């Protein structure tokens, strides 16, 4: 097997919850050795909001904690910080999303760590960016990525509809890729200069990038408003429809006449031959009437039947998947987007890109809190007696 790209790279994940740790997870998939620094009580992301009997670990932590070794260390103490400093001296990447005041209080800011290792890439992740009146403000993806950037306002069916809440981690995982990109770019720079650097990303910046089309329209002076309710859409071929079995599909068919003809043949509904739908302009003018007709047509057959017919016609559409569909979706499985934990039947979500000739690390289960504390410290040169003293003093959990 070819060497993995990040074999030998040492990464310290001194972050909490999702966006920072997930960037380290992607690096671990390509061979990086990741040490997760956790407080003695553990990363709060470990715990479910609502405990489930027999499964106390948050499924999100199963995903974002994979392949890592856990060192439970009290950074509020000088002895704990000295342990971290020793690890930093031989590390390549340090990732944190602690708010800046916490970094200063714990003495883990860039100014504290950079002098220890001139090759260190210090990756900072924040809610609202590195400067400005809210630079020190904590943020979650729901508040900074989803709500603050206009996404929450725009992703709803009309302004009269209550804005929808985001899903857990919905902005964090895309934002993690921004952090990963910054780290890898800095590693490339280090190859050319021999020097480490400070890189940063934020939920706010990544949310604006995700909403870039609408944000740029607003920057250009356009009035950007939420899309209309489905029934009031301006293009009936870019609307979602409910099938007989209650499942939904989403059409995304361009307005070319030859595609319209294929669509008509596929549905075999006489109303579609009426003059009011004879051209793209006419279909747009009568879009709401066409939606009502298509509602009735799609309600006559189950999703599987419509899926087969639309696929056979070569038309662009998507099934609106439910979470239970994903583990048995043949395309998702065949594409490698889900992978099995080493030696287990449990699936996990793979990092979202591949590199030819590179086999990723078979995912290993997320560590127990402090599972590797002794192992990591021995590698850093600590004797067993020193480790015992740190544990007796409460520095190690």
Protein backbone atom coordinates (compact mmCIF):
# COMPACT_ATOMS: atom_id res chain seq x y z
CA UNK A 1 0.00 0.00 0.00
CA UNK A 2 1.26 3.48 -0.86
CA UNK A 3 2.20 5.78 2.01
CA UNK A 4 -0.65 8.03 3.04
CA UNK A 5 -0.28 11.74 2.44
CA UNK A 6 -0.29 12.69 6.12
CA UNK A 7 1.65 9.73 7.51
CA UNK A 8 3.93 11.09 10.24
CA UNK A 9 1.99 14.35 10.58
CA UNK A 10 1.12 15.16 14.20
CA UNK A 11 -2.08 17.09 14.85
CA UNK A 12 -3.35 18.39 18.19
CA UNK A 13 -7.13 18.78 18.29
CA UNK A 14 -7.64 21.19 21.17
CA UNK A 15 -11.17 22.08 20.12
CA UNK A 16 -14.75 21.32 21.11
CA UNK A 17 -17.92 20.26 19.37
CA UNK A 18 -17.73 20.04 15.60
CA UNK A 19 -16.09 22.40 13.14
CA UNK A 20 -12.54 22.35 14.54
CA UNK A 21 -12.48 18.65 15.48
CA UNK A 22 -14.03 17.65 12.14
CA UNK A 23 -11.13 19.26 10.27
CA UNK A 24 -8.76 17.07 12.31
CA UNK A 25 -10.92 14.04 11.47
CA UNK A 26 -10.42 14.63 7.75
CA UNK A 27 -6.66 14.82 8.31
CA UNK A 28 -6.79 11.56 10.26
CA UNK A 29 -8.49 9.85 7.31
CA UNK A 30 -5.32 10.45 5.32
CA UNK A 31 -2.94 9.20 7.98
CA UNK A 32 -2.37 12.10 10.41
CA UNK A 33 -1.87 11.10 14.05
CA UNK A 34 -4.43 13.16 15.96
CA UNK A 35 -4.33 13.73 19.71
CA UNK A 36 -7.59 15.10 21.09
CA UNK A 37 -7.03 17.26 24.15
CA UNK A 38 -10.10 17.22 26.38
CA UNK A 39 -10.82 18.76 29.77
CA UNK A 40 -11.19 16.28 32.64
CA UNK A 41 -14.96 16.31 32.17
CA UNK A 42 -14.61 15.56 28.46
CA UNK A 43 -15.69 17.43 25.36
CA UNK A 44 -19.37 18.29 25.96
CA UNK A 45 -20.01 17.02 22.42
CA UNK A 46 -19.51 13.50 23.76
CA UNK A 47 -22.80 13.56 25.61
CA UNK A 48 -26.24 13.23 24.12
CA UNK A 49 -28.67 16.05 24.83
CA UNK A 50 -31.21 13.34 25.66
CA UNK A 51 -29.53 10.14 26.94
CA UNK A 52 -30.40 6.86 25.20
CA UNK A 53 -30.18 3.65 27.22
CA UNK A 54 -27.16 1.61 26.17
CA UNK A 55 -25.90 4.35 23.83
CA UNK A 56 -24.68 7.26 25.96
CA UNK A 57 -22.22 8.54 23.35
CA UNK A 58 -23.49 11.24 21.01
CA UNK A 59 -23.58 9.82 17.45
CA UNK A 60 -22.01 13.06 16.26
CA UNK A 61 -18.97 12.35 18.39
CA UNK A 62 -18.79 8.87 16.88
CA UNK A 63 -18.28 10.61 13.54
CA UNK A 64 -16.00 13.48 14.52
CA UNK A 65 -13.99 11.63 17.16
CA UNK A 66 -12.94 8.72 14.97
CA UNK A 67 -9.27 7.80 14.50
CA UNK A 68 -8.16 10.01 17.40
CA UNK A 69 -6.40 9.38 20.68
CA UNK A 70 -7.80 11.12 23.75
CA UNK A 71 -5.66 12.91 26.33
CA UNK A 72 -7.73 14.26 29.23
CA UNK A 73 -5.75 17.24 30.49
CA UNK A 74 -6.59 20.12 32.82
CA UNK A 75 -5.27 23.18 31.02
CA UNK A 76 -6.39 25.45 33.84
CA UNK A 77 -3.26 24.38 35.72
CA UNK A 78 0.33 25.28 34.95
CA UNK A 79 1.32 21.60 35.05
CA UNK A 80 -1.36 20.79 32.48
CA UNK A 81 -0.17 23.56 30.19
CA UNK A 82 3.41 22.35 30.46
CA UNK A 83 2.27 18.95 29.21
CA UNK A 84 0.58 20.60 26.24
CA UNK A 85 3.63 22.74 25.53
CA UNK A 86 5.82 19.64 25.35
CA UNK A 87 3.43 18.08 22.84
CA UNK A 88 3.31 21.29 20.78
CA UNK A 89 7.09 21.25 20.35
CA UNK A 90 6.84 18.17 18.14
CA UNK A 91 3.43 18.88 16.56
CA UNK A 92 2.75 20.00 13.01
CA UNK A 93 -0.78 21.37 13.46
CA UNK A 94 -2.66 22.79 16.45
CA UNK A 95 -6.41 23.30 16.04
CA UNK A 96 -8.60 25.20 18.48
CA UNK A 97 -12.00 26.83 18.47
CA UNK A 98 -11.90 28.03 22.06
CA UNK A 99 -13.05 31.66 22.20
CA UNK A 100 -10.12 34.11 22.26
CA UNK A 101 -10.64 35.08 25.94
CA UNK A 102 -10.40 31.39 26.91
CA UNK A 103 -7.24 30.97 24.82
CA UNK A 104 -5.64 33.93 26.57
CA UNK A 105 -6.73 32.70 29.98
CA UNK A 106 -5.37 29.20 29.34
CA UNK A 107 -2.21 30.55 27.66
CA UNK A 108 -2.81 28.59 24.45
CA UNK A 109 -3.07 31.56 22.07
CA UNK A 110 -0.83 31.73 19.03
CA UNK A 111 1.54 34.05 20.86
CA UNK A 112 1.98 31.39 23.55
CA UNK A 113 2.56 28.41 21.26
CA UNK A 114 4.33 29.79 18.17
CA UNK A 115 7.65 30.43 20.00
CA UNK A 116 7.74 26.75 20.98
CA UNK A 117 7.77 25.47 17.40
CA UNK A 118 8.58 27.60 14.36
CA UNK A 119 7.05 24.97 12.02
CA UNK A 120 3.68 24.87 13.82
CA UNK A 121 0.49 25.54 11.85
CA UNK A 122 -1.90 27.16 14.33
CA UNK A 123 -5.48 26.80 13.08
CA UNK A 124 -7.98 29.11 14.72
CA UNK A 125 -11.71 28.64 14.28
CA UNK A 126 -14.25 31.15 15.59
CA UNK A 127 -17.89 32.00 15.43
CA UNK A 128 -17.71 35.51 14.01
CA UNK A 129 -14.18 36.07 12.75
CA UNK A 130 -10.88 37.32 14.11
CA UNK A 131 -11.64 41.03 14.34
CA UNK A 132 -14.57 43.34 15.00
CA UNK A 133 -16.88 43.95 17.97
CA UNK A 134 -18.02 40.31 18.12
CA UNK A 135 -14.67 38.62 17.60
CA UNK A 136 -14.69 37.28 21.18
CA UNK A 137 -18.32 36.16 21.04
CA UNK A 138 -19.03 32.41 21.10
CA UNK A 139 -21.18 31.07 18.30
CA UNK A 140 -22.77 27.86 17.10
CA UNK A 141 -23.56 27.02 13.51
CA UNK A 142 -27.25 27.66 14.18
CA UNK A 143 -26.54 31.24 15.25
CA UNK A 144 -23.49 32.30 13.21
CA UNK A 145 -23.61 30.13 10.06
CA UNK A 146 -27.36 29.68 9.61
CA UNK A 147 -29.09 32.68 11.14
CA UNK A 148 -26.58 35.52 10.77
CA UNK A 149 -25.75 34.94 7.10
CA UNK A 150 -29.26 35.15 5.64
CA UNK A 151 -29.68 31.41 5.07
CA UNK A 152 -32.31 31.03 7.77
CA UNK A 153 -34.29 33.94 6.35
CA UNK A 154 -34.13 32.78 2.73
CA UNK A 155 -34.65 29.01 3.07
CA UNK A 156 -38.37 29.08 3.68
CA UNK A 157 -41.49 29.18 1.54
CA UNK A 158 -42.24 32.90 1.60
CA UNK A 159 -41.73 35.64 4.16
CA UNK A 160 -44.98 34.81 5.93
CA UNK A 161 -43.61 31.39 6.91
CA UNK A 162 -41.72 31.04 10.20
CA UNK A 163 -37.96 30.61 9.58
CA UNK A 164 -36.78 27.03 9.94
CA UNK A 165 -34.15 25.89 12.42
CA UNK A 166 -31.01 24.27 11.07
CA UNK A 167 -30.04 20.65 11.67
CA UNK A 168 -27.26 19.67 14.10
CA UNK A 169 -23.87 20.19 12.52
CA UNK A 170 -25.38 21.44 9.28
CA UNK A 171 -22.99 24.39 9.07
CA UNK A 172 -20.16 22.91 11.12
CA UNK A 173 -19.19 20.15 8.72
CA UNK A 174 -18.96 22.40 5.63
CA UNK A 175 -17.07 24.92 7.77
CA UNK A 176 -14.64 22.20 8.82
CA UNK A 177 -13.66 21.86 5.17
CA UNK A 178 -12.77 25.56 5.12
CA UNK A 179 -10.52 24.99 8.13
CA UNK A 180 -9.02 21.90 6.52
CA UNK A 181 -8.32 23.88 3.34
CA UNK A 182 -6.58 26.61 5.33
CA UNK A 183 -4.39 24.06 7.14
CA UNK A 184 -3.39 22.24 3.97
CA UNK A 185 -2.60 25.53 2.23
CA UNK A 186 -0.38 26.52 5.15
CA UNK A 187 1.33 23.13 5.07
CA UNK A 188 2.11 23.72 1.40
CA UNK A 189 3.50 27.15 2.31
CA UNK A 190 5.62 25.51 5.01
CA UNK A 191 7.08 23.14 2.42
CA UNK A 192 8.33 26.19 0.51
CA UNK A 193 9.44 28.36 3.44
CA UNK A 194 10.13 25.97 6.31
CA UNK A 195 8.01 28.18 8.57
CA UNK A 196 4.66 27.56 10.20
CA UNK A 197 1.85 30.10 10.22
CA UNK A 198 -1.45 31.18 11.73
CA UNK A 199 -4.61 30.32 9.76
CA UNK A 200 -8.20 31.06 10.59
CA UNK A 201 -11.76 30.41 9.52
CA UNK A 202 -15.16 31.07 11.03
CA UNK A 203 -18.79 30.03 10.95
CA UNK A 204 -19.74 33.49 9.75
CA UNK A 205 -17.35 33.44 6.79
CA UNK A 206 -18.33 29.92 5.78
CA UNK A 207 -22.03 30.70 6.05
CA UNK A 208 -21.62 33.74 3.81
CA UNK A 209 -19.72 31.57 1.33
CA UNK A 210 -22.49 28.94 1.43
CA UNK A 211 -25.04 31.68 0.79
CA UNK A 212 -22.72 33.39 -1.68
CA UNK A 213 -25.12 33.58 -4.64
CA UNK A 214 -27.75 35.47 -2.65
CA UNK A 215 -25.23 37.55 -0.71
CA UNK A 216 -23.51 38.64 -3.93
CA UNK A 217 -26.88 39.53 -5.42
CA UNK A 218 -27.55 41.76 -2.41
CA UNK A 219 -24.07 43.27 -2.74
CA UNK A 220 -24.90 44.07 -6.36
CA UNK A 221 -28.04 45.90 -5.25
CA UNK A 222 -30.63 43.21 -5.98
CA UNK A 223 -33.59 42.69 -3.70
CA UNK A 224 -33.28 39.12 -2.41
CA UNK A 225 -36.36 37.55 -0.86
CA UNK A 226 -37.33 34.02 0.19
CA UNK A 227 -38.67 31.78 -2.52
CA UNK A 228 -42.46 31.75 -2.85
CA UNK A 229 -44.56 28.91 -1.44
CA UNK A 230 -44.35 25.77 -3.54
CA UNK A 231 -47.83 26.26 -4.97
CA UNK A 232 -46.89 29.76 -6.13
CA UNK A 233 -43.68 28.76 -7.89
CA UNK A 234 -42.74 30.44 -11.16
CA UNK A 235 -41.45 27.25 -12.79
CA UNK A 236 -43.48 24.07 -12.38
CA UNK A 237 -40.54 21.94 -13.53
CA UNK A 238 -38.39 23.04 -10.60
CA UNK A 239 -40.84 22.14 -7.85
CA UNK A 240 -41.23 19.16 -5.52
CA UNK A 241 -44.25 16.88 -5.78
CA UNK A 242 -45.86 14.34 -3.48
CA UNK A 243 -46.42 10.84 -4.80
CA UNK A 244 -49.23 8.41 -4.00
CA UNK A 245 -47.26 6.77 -1.17
CA UNK A 246 -46.60 10.09 0.56
CA UNK A 247 -42.99 10.32 -0.61
CA UNK A 248 -41.68 13.40 -2.41
CA UNK A 249 -39.52 14.03 -5.45
CA UNK A 250 -37.94 17.24 -6.69
CA UNK A 251 -37.90 18.14 -10.38
CA UNK A 252 -35.03 20.16 -11.83
CA UNK A 253 -35.80 20.13 -15.54
CA UNK A 254 -34.52 22.82 -17.88
CA UNK A 255 -37.13 24.59 -20.02
CA UNK A 256 -35.91 23.31 -23.42
CA UNK A 257 -38.81 22.16 -25.58
CA UNK A 258 -37.31 18.73 -26.21
CA UNK A 259 -37.10 18.12 -22.46
CA UNK A 260 -40.71 19.26 -22.08
CA UNK A 261 -41.69 16.74 -24.74
CA UNK A 262 -39.87 13.95 -22.91
CA UNK A 263 -41.57 14.99 -19.68
CA UNK A 264 -45.01 14.99 -21.30
CA UNK A 265 -44.43 11.55 -22.77
CA UNK A 266 -43.30 10.29 -19.39
CA UNK A 267 -46.41 11.52 -17.57
CA UNK A 268 -48.94 10.76 -20.35
CA UNK A 269 -51.37 13.39 -19.06
CA UNK A 270 -53.63 14.95 -21.70
CA UNK A 271 -53.87 18.30 -19.90
CA UNK A 272 -50.18 18.91 -20.63
CA UNK A 273 -50.96 19.17 -24.36
CA UNK A 274 -53.13 22.26 -23.87
CA UNK A 275 -52.02 25.47 -25.68
CA UNK A 276 -51.41 27.29 -22.37
CA UNK A 277 -48.40 25.00 -21.82
CA UNK A 278 -47.14 24.94 -25.42
CA UNK A 279 -44.01 27.06 -24.84
CA UNK A 280 -41.62 27.85 -22.02
CA UNK A 281 -43.05 31.38 -21.78
CA UNK A 282 -46.59 30.04 -21.65
CA UNK A 283 -45.67 27.47 -18.99
CA UNK A 284 -44.11 30.22 -16.90
CA UNK A 285 -47.19 32.42 -17.30
CA UNK A 286 -49.41 29.53 -16.22
CA UNK A 287 -46.99 27.98 -13.73
CA UNK A 288 -49.39 27.78 -10.82
CA UNK A 289 -52.07 26.06 -12.88
CA UNK A 290 -49.44 23.62 -14.16
CA UNK A 291 -48.33 22.88 -10.60
CA UNK A 292 -51.90 22.01 -9.63
CA UNK A 293 -52.20 19.64 -12.60
CA UNK A 294 -48.87 17.99 -11.83
CA UNK A 295 -49.86 17.62 -8.18
CA UNK A 296 -52.80 15.50 -9.29
CA UNK A 297 -50.72 13.50 -11.79
CA UNK A 298 -47.89 12.65 -9.39
CA UNK A 299 -50.41 11.61 -6.75
CA UNK A 300 -51.51 8.70 -8.97
CA UNK A 301 -48.32 6.62 -8.62
CA UNK A 302 -45.77 5.71 -5.95
CA UNK A 303 -42.31 7.24 -5.80
CA UNK A 304 -40.60 4.08 -7.06
CA UNK A 305 -42.76 4.07 -10.20
CA UNK A 306 -42.14 7.74 -10.95
CA UNK A 307 -38.46 7.31 -10.25
CA UNK A 308 -38.17 4.51 -12.80
CA UNK A 309 -40.13 6.46 -15.43
CA UNK A 310 -38.20 9.71 -15.00
CA UNK A 311 -34.87 7.88 -14.99
CA UNK A 312 -35.80 6.04 -18.17
CA UNK A 313 -36.58 9.39 -19.81
CA UNK A 314 -33.21 10.82 -18.77
CA UNK A 315 -34.82 13.70 -16.87
CA UNK A 316 -33.15 15.45 -13.94
CA UNK A 317 -34.87 14.99 -10.61
CA UNK A 318 -34.06 13.93 -7.08
CA UNK A 319 -35.84 11.82 -4.54
CA UNK A 320 -36.34 13.60 -1.24
CA UNK A 321 -34.60 11.09 0.97
CA UNK A 322 -35.46 10.38 4.57
CA UNK A 323 -32.70 9.49 7.05
CA UNK A 324 -33.73 5.82 7.10
CA UNK A 325 -33.19 5.65 3.33
CA UNK A 326 -29.50 6.54 3.49
CA UNK A 327 -27.93 3.34 4.94
CA UNK A 328 -29.56 1.26 2.20
CA UNK A 329 -29.22 3.64 -0.74
CA UNK A 330 -27.36 1.64 -3.43
CA UNK A 331 -25.73 4.71 -4.96
CA UNK A 332 -24.55 6.09 -1.62
CA UNK A 333 -23.07 2.71 -0.71
CA UNK A 334 -21.48 2.10 -4.11
CA UNK A 335 -19.96 5.59 -4.20
CA UNK A 336 -18.05 5.02 -0.97
CA UNK A 337 -19.68 7.95 0.79
CA UNK A 338 -20.29 5.65 3.77
CA UNK A 339 -17.58 3.38 5.17
CA UNK A 340 -17.51 0.74 7.90
CA UNK A 341 -15.61 1.08 11.12
CA UNK A 342 -12.68 -1.33 11.18
CA UNK A 343 -13.86 -4.77 12.26
CA UNK A 344 -17.46 -3.65 12.78
CA UNK A 345 -20.75 -3.52 10.94
CA UNK A 346 -21.33 0.11 11.95
CA UNK A 347 -21.16 2.61 9.09
CA UNK A 348 -19.86 6.15 9.28
CA UNK A 349 -19.76 9.11 6.89
CA UNK A 350 -16.54 9.33 4.90
CA UNK A 351 -14.72 12.62 4.36
CA UNK A 352 -16.13 14.10 1.14
CA UNK A 353 -13.25 13.72 -1.31
CA UNK A 354 -10.87 11.09 -2.61
CA UNK A 355 -7.32 11.17 -3.98
CA UNK A 356 -6.23 8.64 -6.60
CA UNK A 357 -3.81 6.09 -5.22
CA UNK A 358 -4.64 6.95 -1.62
CA UNK A 359 -6.43 4.48 0.63
CA UNK A 360 -7.90 6.22 3.64
CA UNK A 361 -7.36 4.94 7.15
CA UNK A 362 -10.03 2.35 8.03
CA UNK A 363 -12.03 4.35 10.56
CA UNK A 364 -11.47 3.51 14.21
CA UNK A 365 -14.03 4.16 16.91
CA UNK A 366 -13.93 7.45 18.81
CA UNK A 367 -11.82 7.11 21.97
CA UNK A 368 -13.07 6.94 25.50
CA UNK A 369 -12.25 10.02 27.56
CA UNK A 370 -8.55 9.93 28.43
CA UNK A 371 -8.16 6.48 26.89
CA UNK A 372 -4.70 7.25 25.53
CA UNK A 373 -3.38 9.67 28.17
CA UNK A 374 -0.60 7.37 29.39
CA UNK A 375 0.34 6.28 25.88
CA UNK A 376 0.60 9.85 24.57
CA UNK A 377 2.65 11.04 27.54
CA UNK A 378 5.07 8.11 27.33
CA UNK A 379 5.65 9.01 23.67
CA UNK A 380 6.38 12.56 24.80
CA UNK A 381 9.08 11.30 27.18
CA UNK A 382 7.22 11.13 30.48
CA UNK A 383 8.18 8.36 32.88
CA UNK A 384 5.49 6.23 34.49
CA UNK A 385 6.18 7.86 37.85
CA UNK A 386 5.65 11.34 36.38
CA UNK A 387 2.41 10.21 34.77
CA UNK A 388 1.21 8.80 38.09
CA UNK A 389 1.98 12.11 39.80
CA UNK A 390 0.01 14.05 37.17
CA UNK A 391 -2.93 11.73 37.63
CA UNK A 392 -2.77 11.93 41.43
CA UNK A 393 -2.78 15.72 41.18
CA UNK A 394 -5.88 15.69 38.94
CA UNK A 395 -3.98 17.06 35.94
CA UNK A 396 -4.87 13.89 34.01
CA UNK A 397 -8.42 12.56 34.15
